[in-house]
Amino acid sequence: MRLPKRKGVPDARRYTTAMTSPPPSPVRRLLGQLGPGLVTGAADDDPSGIGTHSQVGAEFGYGLAWTFVFSFPLMVVIQEVAAQIGRVTGAGIARNLRRHYPRPVLWTVVLLLLVANIINLGADLGAMGAALQLLLGGSAALYTLLFGVFCVVIEVALNYARYSAVLKWTTLSLFSYVAVVMVADVPWGRALRALIAPEIQWTGAYATAVVAILGTTISPYLFFWQAGQEIEEQHRHHAKPLCITPREAGPELKRIRFDTLVGMAFSSIVSLAIVFATAATLNAHGITDIATSAQAAEALRPIAGPFAFALFAVGIIGTGLLAVPVLAGSAAYAVTEMVGVAGSLDAKPLRARLFYATIAVTTLFGAALNFIGLDPARALYWAAVVNGVLAAPLMAAMMLIVRNPLAMGRLTLGRGATLLGWGATTVMAVATVIFFASLF
């Protein structure tokens, strides 16, 4: 029996269109495709990297700007390889090494990663403490410890969805360096010309600086992090690895490529902004010896003014709050995958004890290095040595994994990307040889 329609009560069918949520705007759709690649690219500009790029700009002016154009496609292809390993296989880099290659290879890779990450954590936390001391006064050591504790608490307390959103918003801190370069008196004609017309110097210092730039832009911990984040995203969306569902691979691989391109472009632009800013200020005024990012900020104050100084110092803290969790998280992914236990930022602490314990121990151990007389410049030097030893062999292992049908199924890497990936691996191997040759 059909009930009579009451007066004043509109037909529910009229609300069908109104109740349907409007389609997302193009900007929202664009931002929705950004995630692991964007955060990874932003984390590449950590306080240690800021120190390296500041030294490059102070010592060589615009002469090494071309290296960021050269390294960009290498960064993109190797980070895309790392992301594809995670999304296609549903397992991280260490777990794939465990499945397909000898155990000594796995143990050596993870051990070197832990050493490099702990040293990097110490240098980054120390730089953050020194930057806050420049802004507020007080004890840099205390600030360093508090930053370490804060990063551990946030990484353990928040679930993956909230934490990934926090990391995305933290990337905005890097725009402080874009603001710094805007207030610096940069000769843009010369600066932009240096991107395509290298001012090469045939000296050991110049060669070492090239290697240092490659070492800070193509870092092993970023490989583990981006692969791990793709797995987190897969679990968050209740999806299966693409090797099991290859029909879904097209849109996912396009998303990975776009996300990685944007993230690495963001990283390169910020790095160039730091080089241009320090070249236009420090180098132009004869200041050519900068060992840390905090020293670069302090040196900017009398030259570029208090505003540029404050932006530079705040940027160090912001990038540190982004990079420290990435360094500790990449170590946690590697350790748990090495021993074959579950580990995820979405897991409860009591269900992923080893994962969160690795985050806490590596972060606090890195902070503790600052209490035993850690020399930031020496710390960065030794971190570069360990990363140099690890980068090329790890990249070679990743290229073998991504071409292995037993791991990737039908979704092995294409021929063009394979050539570019092996090219990036060769460049890093040559850079490592040059680095060690420079020691003698």
Protein backbone atom coordinates (compact mmCIF):
# COMPACT_ATOMS: atom_id res chain seq x y z
CA MET A 1 0.00 0.00 0.00
CA ARG A 2 1.39 3.36 -1.00
CA LEU A 3 1.23 5.99 1.72
CA PRO A 4 -0.03 9.43 0.74
CA LYS A 5 2.52 12.12 0.46
CA ARG A 6 2.23 14.60 3.31
CA LYS A 7 2.17 18.28 2.59
CA GLY A 8 5.41 20.05 3.29
CA VAL A 9 7.50 16.86 3.24
CA PRO A 10 9.53 16.87 0.03
CA ASP A 11 10.21 13.69 -1.90
CA ALA A 12 13.48 12.09 -0.74
CA ARG A 13 14.43 11.56 -4.36
CA ARG A 14 14.97 15.30 -4.68
CA TYR A 15 17.88 15.00 -2.26
CA THR A 16 19.69 12.29 -4.19
CA THR A 17 21.87 14.71 -6.10
CA ALA A 18 22.24 17.18 -3.26
CA MET A 19 23.39 14.52 -0.78
CA THR A 20 26.01 13.17 -3.16
CA SER A 21 29.38 14.66 -2.26
CA PRO A 22 30.84 16.85 -5.00
CA PRO A 23 33.79 15.45 -6.93
CA PRO A 24 37.18 16.49 -5.56
CA SER A 25 38.78 19.52 -7.15
CA PRO A 26 41.81 19.07 -9.43
CA VAL A 27 44.06 20.49 -6.71
CA ARG A 28 42.70 18.03 -4.13
CA ARG A 29 43.14 15.12 -6.57
CA LEU A 30 46.70 16.31 -7.24
CA LEU A 31 47.56 16.51 -3.55
CA GLY A 32 45.97 13.12 -2.99
CA GLN A 33 48.61 11.55 -5.24
CA LEU A 34 51.43 12.91 -3.10
CA GLY A 35 52.70 10.92 -0.16
CA PRO A 36 55.80 8.73 0.29
CA GLY A 37 57.70 10.38 -2.57
CA LEU A 38 57.04 13.92 -1.35
CA VAL A 39 58.01 13.14 2.24
CA THR A 40 61.12 11.24 1.12
CA GLY A 41 62.24 14.10 -1.09
CA ALA A 42 61.71 16.65 1.66
CA ALA A 43 63.55 14.46 4.20
CA ASP A 44 66.52 14.44 1.84
CA ASP A 45 67.10 18.09 2.81
CA ASP A 46 67.89 17.26 6.43
CA PRO A 47 70.11 19.49 8.64
CA SER A 48 73.14 17.47 7.55
CA GLY A 49 72.32 18.11 3.91
CA ILE A 50 71.72 21.78 4.65
CA GLY A 51 75.20 21.95 6.16
CA THR A 52 76.72 20.31 3.09
CA HIS A 53 74.89 22.58 0.66
CA SER A 54 75.76 25.65 2.73
CA GLN A 55 79.44 24.71 2.58
CA VAL A 56 79.20 24.15 -1.18
CA GLY A 57 77.62 27.58 -1.73
CA ALA A 58 80.05 29.32 0.62
CA GLU A 59 83.19 27.73 -0.83
CA PHE A 60 82.37 27.44 -4.54
CA GLY A 61 79.65 30.02 -5.06
CA TYR A 62 77.46 28.95 -7.98
CA GLY A 63 80.11 26.66 -9.44
CA LEU A 64 78.43 23.41 -8.37
CA ALA A 65 74.81 24.30 -9.16
CA TRP A 66 74.94 22.01 -12.22
CA THR A 67 75.30 18.93 -10.01
CA PHE A 68 71.69 19.23 -8.84
CA VAL A 69 70.47 19.15 -12.45
CA PHE A 70 72.74 16.16 -13.10
CA SER A 71 71.63 14.26 -9.98
CA PHE A 72 67.89 14.87 -10.39
CA PRO A 73 67.11 12.04 -12.87
CA LEU A 74 69.36 9.70 -10.88
CA MET A 75 67.42 10.50 -7.69
CA VAL A 76 64.10 9.99 -9.42
CA VAL A 77 64.89 6.61 -10.95
CA ILE A 78 66.46 5.02 -7.87
CA GLN A 79 63.72 6.26 -5.53
CA GLU A 80 61.11 5.02 -7.99
CA VAL A 81 62.85 1.64 -7.98
CA ALA A 82 62.67 1.57 -4.16
CA ALA A 83 58.97 2.51 -4.22
CA GLN A 84 58.16 -0.13 -6.84
CA ILE A 85 59.92 -2.81 -4.82
CA GLY A 86 57.72 -2.01 -1.84
CA ARG A 87 54.42 -1.67 -3.71
CA VAL A 88 54.85 -4.55 -6.16
CA THR A 89 56.27 -7.17 -3.79
CA GLY A 90 54.52 -6.01 -0.60
CA ALA A 91 57.88 -6.32 1.17
CA GLY A 92 60.67 -3.89 1.95
CA ILE A 93 64.20 -3.91 0.63
CA ALA A 94 65.67 -5.86 3.55
CA ARG A 95 62.94 -8.50 3.36
CA ASN A 96 63.56 -8.94 -0.36
CA LEU A 97 67.28 -9.30 0.33
CA ARG A 98 66.40 -11.92 2.96
CA ARG A 99 64.21 -13.84 0.50
CA HIS A 100 66.47 -13.87 -2.54
CA TYR A 101 70.10 -13.28 -1.57
CA PRO A 102 72.73 -14.60 0.89
CA ARG A 103 72.26 -13.66 4.54
CA PRO A 104 75.73 -12.05 4.92
CA VAL A 105 74.72 -9.51 2.26
CA LEU A 106 71.59 -8.66 4.27
CA TRP A 107 73.42 -8.38 7.60
CA THR A 108 76.18 -6.19 6.14
CA VAL A 109 73.67 -3.81 4.50
CA VAL A 110 71.58 -3.41 7.64
CA LEU A 111 74.62 -2.97 9.90
CA LEU A 112 76.09 -0.23 7.69
CA LEU A 113 72.67 1.44 7.46
CA LEU A 114 72.37 1.49 11.27
CA VAL A 115 75.84 3.00 11.70
CA ALA A 116 75.22 5.70 9.08
CA ASN A 117 71.73 6.50 10.38
CA ILE A 118 72.82 6.82 14.02
CA ILE A 119 75.65 9.18 13.07
CA ASN A 120 73.26 11.17 10.86
CA LEU A 121 70.71 11.29 13.67
CA GLY A 122 73.35 12.65 16.03
CA ALA A 123 74.40 15.33 13.55
CA ASP A 124 70.80 16.31 12.73
CA LEU A 125 69.64 16.48 16.36
CA GLY A 126 72.76 18.44 17.29
CA ALA A 127 72.08 20.91 14.47
CA MET A 128 68.48 21.33 15.63
CA GLY A 129 69.62 21.99 19.21
CA ALA A 130 72.22 24.51 18.03
CA ALA A 131 69.64 26.27 15.82
CA LEU A 132 67.17 26.63 18.70
CA GLN A 133 69.98 27.95 20.91
CA LEU A 134 70.69 30.61 18.28
CA LEU A 135 67.04 31.66 18.36
CA LEU A 136 66.29 31.44 22.08
CA GLY A 137 69.58 31.07 23.95
CA GLY A 138 69.88 28.39 26.61
CA SER A 139 71.48 24.95 26.40
CA ALA A 140 71.95 23.37 22.97
CA ALA A 141 72.58 19.97 24.61
CA LEU A 142 69.25 20.10 26.45
CA TYR A 143 67.40 21.12 23.28
CA THR A 144 69.08 18.25 21.42
CA LEU A 145 67.86 15.71 23.97
CA LEU A 146 64.35 17.18 24.04
CA PHE A 147 64.11 17.08 20.26
CA GLY A 148 65.14 13.41 20.32
CA VAL A 149 62.54 12.51 22.94
CA PHE A 150 59.84 14.51 21.14
CA CYS A 151 60.50 12.76 17.82
CA VAL A 152 60.33 9.32 19.45
CA VAL A 153 57.09 10.09 21.31
CA ILE A 154 55.33 11.44 18.22
CA GLU A 155 56.45 8.55 16.01
CA VAL A 156 55.30 5.97 18.56
CA ALA A 157 52.08 7.66 19.69
CA LEU A 158 50.44 8.53 16.34
CA ASN A 159 48.96 5.96 13.99
CA TYR A 160 50.19 5.87 10.41
CA ALA A 161 47.37 7.94 8.87
CA ARG A 162 47.86 10.82 11.32
CA TYR A 163 51.63 10.58 11.28
CA SER A 164 51.86 10.63 7.48
CA ALA A 165 49.68 13.78 7.51
CA VAL A 166 52.03 15.39 10.05
CA LEU A 167 55.01 14.58 7.85
CA LYS A 168 53.29 16.07 4.79
CA TRP A 169 52.61 19.34 6.63
CA THR A 170 56.17 19.42 7.97
CA THR A 171 57.47 19.56 4.40
CA LEU A 172 56.19 23.15 4.29
CA SER A 173 59.08 24.15 6.57
CA LEU A 174 61.42 23.81 3.60
CA PHE A 175 59.81 26.84 1.96
CA SER A 176 61.73 28.92 4.51
CA TYR A 177 64.80 28.39 2.31
CA VAL A 178 62.92 29.61 -0.74
CA ALA A 179 62.10 32.73 1.30
CA VAL A 180 65.77 33.11 2.29
CA VAL A 181 66.92 33.07 -1.30
CA MET A 182 64.29 35.66 -2.19
CA VAL A 183 65.67 38.17 0.33
CA ALA A 184 69.29 37.45 -0.64
CA ASP A 185 70.78 39.56 -3.42
CA VAL A 186 71.19 36.73 -5.92
CA PRO A 187 72.54 37.57 -9.39
CA TRP A 188 69.95 35.42 -11.10
CA GLY A 189 71.52 35.54 -14.54
CA ARG A 190 74.77 34.04 -13.30
CA ALA A 191 73.02 31.64 -10.93
CA LEU A 192 70.71 30.19 -13.58
CA ARG A 193 73.51 30.02 -16.15
CA ALA A 194 75.51 27.87 -13.70
CA LEU A 195 72.79 25.20 -13.90
CA ILE A 196 73.70 24.36 -17.50
CA ALA A 197 77.24 25.76 -17.83
CA PRO A 198 79.46 24.08 -15.20
CA GLU A 199 82.25 26.15 -13.67
CA ILE A 200 84.50 23.12 -13.21
CA GLN A 201 87.64 23.35 -11.09
CA TRP A 202 90.21 20.58 -11.45
CA THR A 203 90.99 20.31 -7.77
CA GLY A 204 90.61 17.66 -5.10
CA ALA A 205 88.33 19.93 -3.04
CA TYR A 206 85.97 20.40 -6.00
CA ALA A 207 85.82 16.66 -6.68
CA THR A 208 85.16 15.94 -3.02
CA ALA A 209 82.34 18.50 -3.01
CA VAL A 210 80.72 16.80 -6.03
CA VAL A 211 80.86 13.47 -4.21
CA ALA A 212 79.43 15.07 -1.05
CA ILE A 213 76.46 16.44 -3.00
CA LEU A 214 75.75 13.04 -4.56
CA GLY A 215 76.08 11.42 -1.13
CA THR A 216 73.55 13.77 0.46
CA THR A 217 71.03 13.58 -2.40
CA ILE A 218 71.16 9.81 -3.01
CA SER A 219 71.16 8.33 0.51
CA PRO A 220 70.50 4.66 1.41
CA TYR A 221 68.10 5.44 4.25
CA LEU A 222 65.72 7.07 1.76
CA PHE A 223 65.46 3.80 -0.19
CA PHE A 224 64.31 1.84 2.87
CA TRP A 225 61.91 4.59 3.95
CA GLN A 226 60.09 5.00 0.63
CA ALA A 227 59.73 1.24 0.15
CA GLY A 228 58.38 0.94 3.70
CA GLN A 229 55.94 3.81 3.19
CA GLU A 230 54.51 2.22 0.05
CA ILE A 231 53.79 -0.90 2.09
CA GLU A 232 52.13 1.22 4.78
CA GLU A 233 49.95 2.85 2.11
CA GLN A 234 49.05 -0.58 0.70
CA HIS A 235 47.92 -1.78 4.13
CA ARG A 236 46.04 1.45 4.82
CA HIS A 237 43.96 0.97 1.67
CA HIS A 238 43.54 -2.79 2.31
CA ALA A 239 45.16 -3.53 -1.05
CA LYS A 240 47.25 -6.49 -2.17
CA PRO A 241 50.80 -6.35 -3.58
CA LEU A 242 50.76 -5.53 -7.27
CA CYS A 243 52.57 -8.77 -8.14
CA ILE A 244 49.33 -10.51 -7.08
CA THR A 245 47.02 -7.97 -8.76
CA PRO A 246 48.98 -6.82 -11.85
CA ARG A 247 45.84 -5.41 -13.49
CA GLU A 248 45.84 -2.64 -10.88
CA ALA A 249 49.47 -1.78 -11.58
CA GLY A 250 48.92 0.94 -14.21
CA PRO A 251 47.36 3.65 -12.03
CA GLU A 252 49.52 2.76 -9.02
CA LEU A 253 52.80 2.92 -10.91
CA LYS A 254 51.74 6.25 -12.47
CA ARG A 255 51.00 7.58 -8.98
CA ILE A 256 54.40 6.41 -7.74
CA ARG A 257 56.16 8.09 -10.67
CA PHE A 258 54.32 11.39 -10.19
CA ASP A 259 54.81 11.35 -6.41
CA THR A 260 58.52 10.60 -6.77
CA LEU A 261 59.03 13.25 -9.48
CA VAL A 262 57.40 15.93 -7.33
CA GLY A 263 59.28 14.88 -4.20
CA MET A 264 62.70 14.82 -5.85
CA ALA A 265 62.01 18.10 -7.69
CA PHE A 266 61.05 19.70 -4.38
CA SER A 267 64.25 18.40 -2.81
CA SER A 268 66.43 19.70 -5.65
CA ILE A 269 64.81 23.15 -5.68
CA VAL A 270 65.31 23.57 -1.93
CA SER A 271 68.93 22.39 -2.20
CA LEU A 272 69.56 24.92 -4.95
CA ALA A 273 67.92 27.65 -2.89
CA ILE A 274 70.38 26.96 -0.05
CA VAL A 275 73.36 27.01 -2.42
CA PHE A 276 72.21 30.21 -4.11
CA ALA A 277 71.51 31.93 -0.77
CA THR A 278 74.89 31.08 0.75
CA ALA A 279 76.71 31.87 -2.51
CA ALA A 280 75.09 35.31 -2.71
CA THR A 281 75.81 36.12 0.93
CA LEU A 282 78.64 34.13 2.48
CA ASN A 283 80.77 33.50 -0.60
CA ALA A 284 80.22 37.05 -1.87
CA HIS A 285 81.60 38.35 1.45
CA GLY A 286 84.60 36.03 1.60
CA ILE A 287 83.18 33.51 4.11
CA THR A 288 84.12 30.15 2.59
CA ASP A 289 84.45 27.77 5.53
CA ILE A 290 81.12 26.54 6.97
CA ALA A 291 81.07 23.18 8.76
CA THR A 292 77.46 22.98 9.98
CA SER A 293 74.01 24.31 9.13
CA ALA A 294 73.91 26.25 12.42
CA GLN A 295 77.17 28.01 11.51
CA ALA A 296 75.64 28.94 8.17
CA ALA A 297 72.61 30.46 9.91
CA GLU A 298 74.81 32.45 12.32
CA ALA A 299 77.02 33.68 9.47
CA LEU A 300 73.96 34.93 7.58
CA ARG A 301 72.87 37.26 10.41
CA PRO A 302 75.32 40.17 9.84
CA ILE A 303 75.18 39.83 6.06
CA ALA A 304 71.58 39.09 5.08
CA GLY A 305 69.92 40.42 8.22
CA PRO A 306 68.01 38.95 11.17
CA PHE A 307 65.02 37.89 9.04
CA ALA A 308 67.10 35.63 6.78
CA PHE A 309 68.97 34.32 9.81
CA ALA A 310 65.71 33.44 11.61
CA LEU A 311 64.24 31.77 8.52
CA PHE A 312 67.38 29.71 8.02
CA ALA A 313 67.44 28.61 11.68
CA VAL A 314 63.72 27.78 11.77
CA GLY A 315 64.18 25.77 8.57
CA ILE A 316 66.88 23.67 10.23
CA ILE A 317 64.49 22.76 13.05
CA GLY A 318 61.59 22.05 10.68
CA THR A 319 63.61 19.85 8.36
CA GLY A 320 65.09 18.05 11.35
CA LEU A 321 61.61 17.26 12.68
CA LEU A 322 60.93 15.68 9.29
CA ALA A 323 64.27 13.91 8.74
CA VAL A 324 64.86 12.44 12.22
CA PRO A 325 61.75 10.22 12.11
CA VAL A 326 62.62 9.16 8.56
CA LEU A 327 66.14 8.15 9.60
CA ALA A 328 64.89 6.23 12.64
CA GLY A 329 61.94 4.75 10.74
CA SER A 330 64.10 3.48 7.89
CA ALA A 331 66.35 1.75 10.44
CA ALA A 332 63.29 0.17 12.08
CA TYR A 333 61.97 -1.14 8.76
CA ALA A 334 65.38 -2.63 7.93
CA VAL A 335 65.89 -4.32 11.33
CA THR A 336 62.43 -5.89 11.55
CA GLU A 337 62.61 -7.11 7.95
CA MET A 338 66.08 -8.53 8.59
CA VAL A 339 64.87 -10.74 11.46
CA GLY A 340 61.54 -11.52 9.80
CA VAL A 341 59.08 -9.94 12.24
CA ALA A 342 56.24 -7.50 11.63
CA GLY A 343 56.87 -3.79 11.94
CA SER A 344 54.66 -0.86 11.01
CA LEU A 345 53.91 2.70 12.06
CA ASP A 346 50.27 1.64 12.19
CA ALA A 347 50.92 -1.14 14.73
CA LYS A 348 50.37 -0.75 18.45
CA PRO A 349 53.67 -0.43 20.35
CA LEU A 350 53.19 -3.70 22.26
CA ARG A 351 52.58 -5.58 19.00
CA ALA A 352 55.67 -4.18 17.26
CA ARG A 353 58.16 -3.99 20.12
CA LEU A 354 61.29 -4.42 17.99
CA PHE A 355 60.12 -1.86 15.45
CA TYR A 356 59.45 0.89 17.98
CA ALA A 357 62.45 -0.09 20.12
CA THR A 358 64.69 0.43 17.08
CA ILE A 359 63.17 3.89 16.54
CA ALA A 360 63.74 4.84 20.18
CA VAL A 361 67.24 3.38 20.52
CA THR A 362 68.64 4.81 17.27
CA THR A 363 67.18 8.27 17.94
CA LEU A 364 68.30 8.50 21.57
CA PHE A 365 71.68 6.96 20.81
CA GLY A 366 72.17 9.59 18.10
CA ALA A 367 71.21 12.32 20.58
CA ALA A 368 73.65 10.86 23.12
CA LEU A 369 76.53 11.24 20.65
CA ASN A 370 76.28 14.97 21.26
CA PHE A 371 77.10 14.44 24.95
CA ILE A 372 80.38 12.63 24.27
CA GLY A 373 81.99 15.44 22.31
CA LEU A 374 80.58 14.72 18.87
CA ASP A 375 82.19 16.97 16.29
CA PRO A 376 79.38 17.69 13.79
CA ALA A 377 81.77 18.13 10.89
CA ARG A 378 83.53 14.84 11.64
CA ALA A 379 80.18 13.11 12.17
CA LEU A 380 79.00 14.19 8.74
CA TYR A 381 82.31 13.09 7.26
CA TRP A 382 82.04 9.57 8.68
CA ALA A 383 78.36 9.33 7.80
CA ALA A 384 79.35 10.17 4.22
CA VAL A 385 82.03 7.46 4.33
CA VAL A 386 79.56 4.79 5.49
CA ASN A 387 76.87 5.95 3.05
CA GLY A 388 79.47 5.88 0.28
CA VAL A 389 80.39 2.30 1.13
CA LEU A 390 76.73 1.27 1.23
CA ALA A 391 75.04 3.26 -1.56
CA ALA A 392 76.40 1.69 -4.75
CA PRO A 393 76.23 -1.98 -3.61
CA LEU A 394 72.72 -1.44 -2.24
CA MET A 395 71.61 0.23 -5.46
CA ALA A 396 73.01 -2.75 -7.40
CA ALA A 397 71.06 -5.15 -5.15
CA MET A 398 67.87 -3.10 -5.69
CA MET A 399 68.37 -3.24 -9.46
CA LEU A 400 68.70 -7.02 -9.27
CA ILE A 401 65.51 -7.26 -7.18
CA VAL A 402 63.47 -5.02 -9.47
CA ARG A 403 64.50 -7.13 -12.50
CA ASN A 404 63.87 -10.45 -10.74
CA PRO A 405 60.60 -12.13 -11.85
CA LEU A 406 60.59 -14.24 -8.66
CA ALA A 407 60.23 -11.00 -6.68
CA MET A 408 58.32 -8.73 -9.07
CA GLY A 409 56.23 -11.22 -11.03
CA ARG A 410 55.22 -9.76 -14.40
CA LEU A 411 56.04 -6.21 -13.24
CA THR A 412 59.80 -6.18 -13.62
CA LEU A 413 61.37 -2.80 -14.42
CA GLY A 414 61.31 -1.70 -18.05
CA ARG A 415 64.39 -1.54 -20.22
CA GLY A 416 64.73 2.26 -20.32
CA ALA A 417 64.38 2.64 -16.55
CA THR A 418 66.77 -0.27 -16.05
CA LEU A 419 69.47 1.47 -18.10
CA LEU A 420 68.97 4.70 -16.17
CA GLY A 421 69.00 2.80 -12.85
CA TRP A 422 72.25 1.05 -13.63
CA GLY A 423 73.62 4.39 -14.84
CA ALA A 424 72.80 5.92 -11.44
CA THR A 425 74.45 2.95 -9.74
CA THR A 426 77.59 3.39 -11.84
CA VAL A 427 77.74 7.11 -11.05
CA MET A 428 77.54 6.39 -7.32
CA ALA A 429 80.21 3.69 -7.61
CA VAL A 430 82.55 6.10 -9.41
CA ALA A 431 81.78 8.83 -6.86
CA THR A 432 82.66 6.43 -4.03
CA VAL A 433 85.97 5.57 -5.65
CA ILE A 434 86.75 9.28 -6.10
CA PHE A 435 85.84 9.93 -2.46
CA PHE A 436 88.21 7.28 -1.14
CA ALA A 437 90.91 8.34 -3.60
CA SER A 438 90.63 11.88 -2.23
CA LEU A 439 91.53 10.56 1.24
CA PHE A 440 95.03 9.79 -0.01
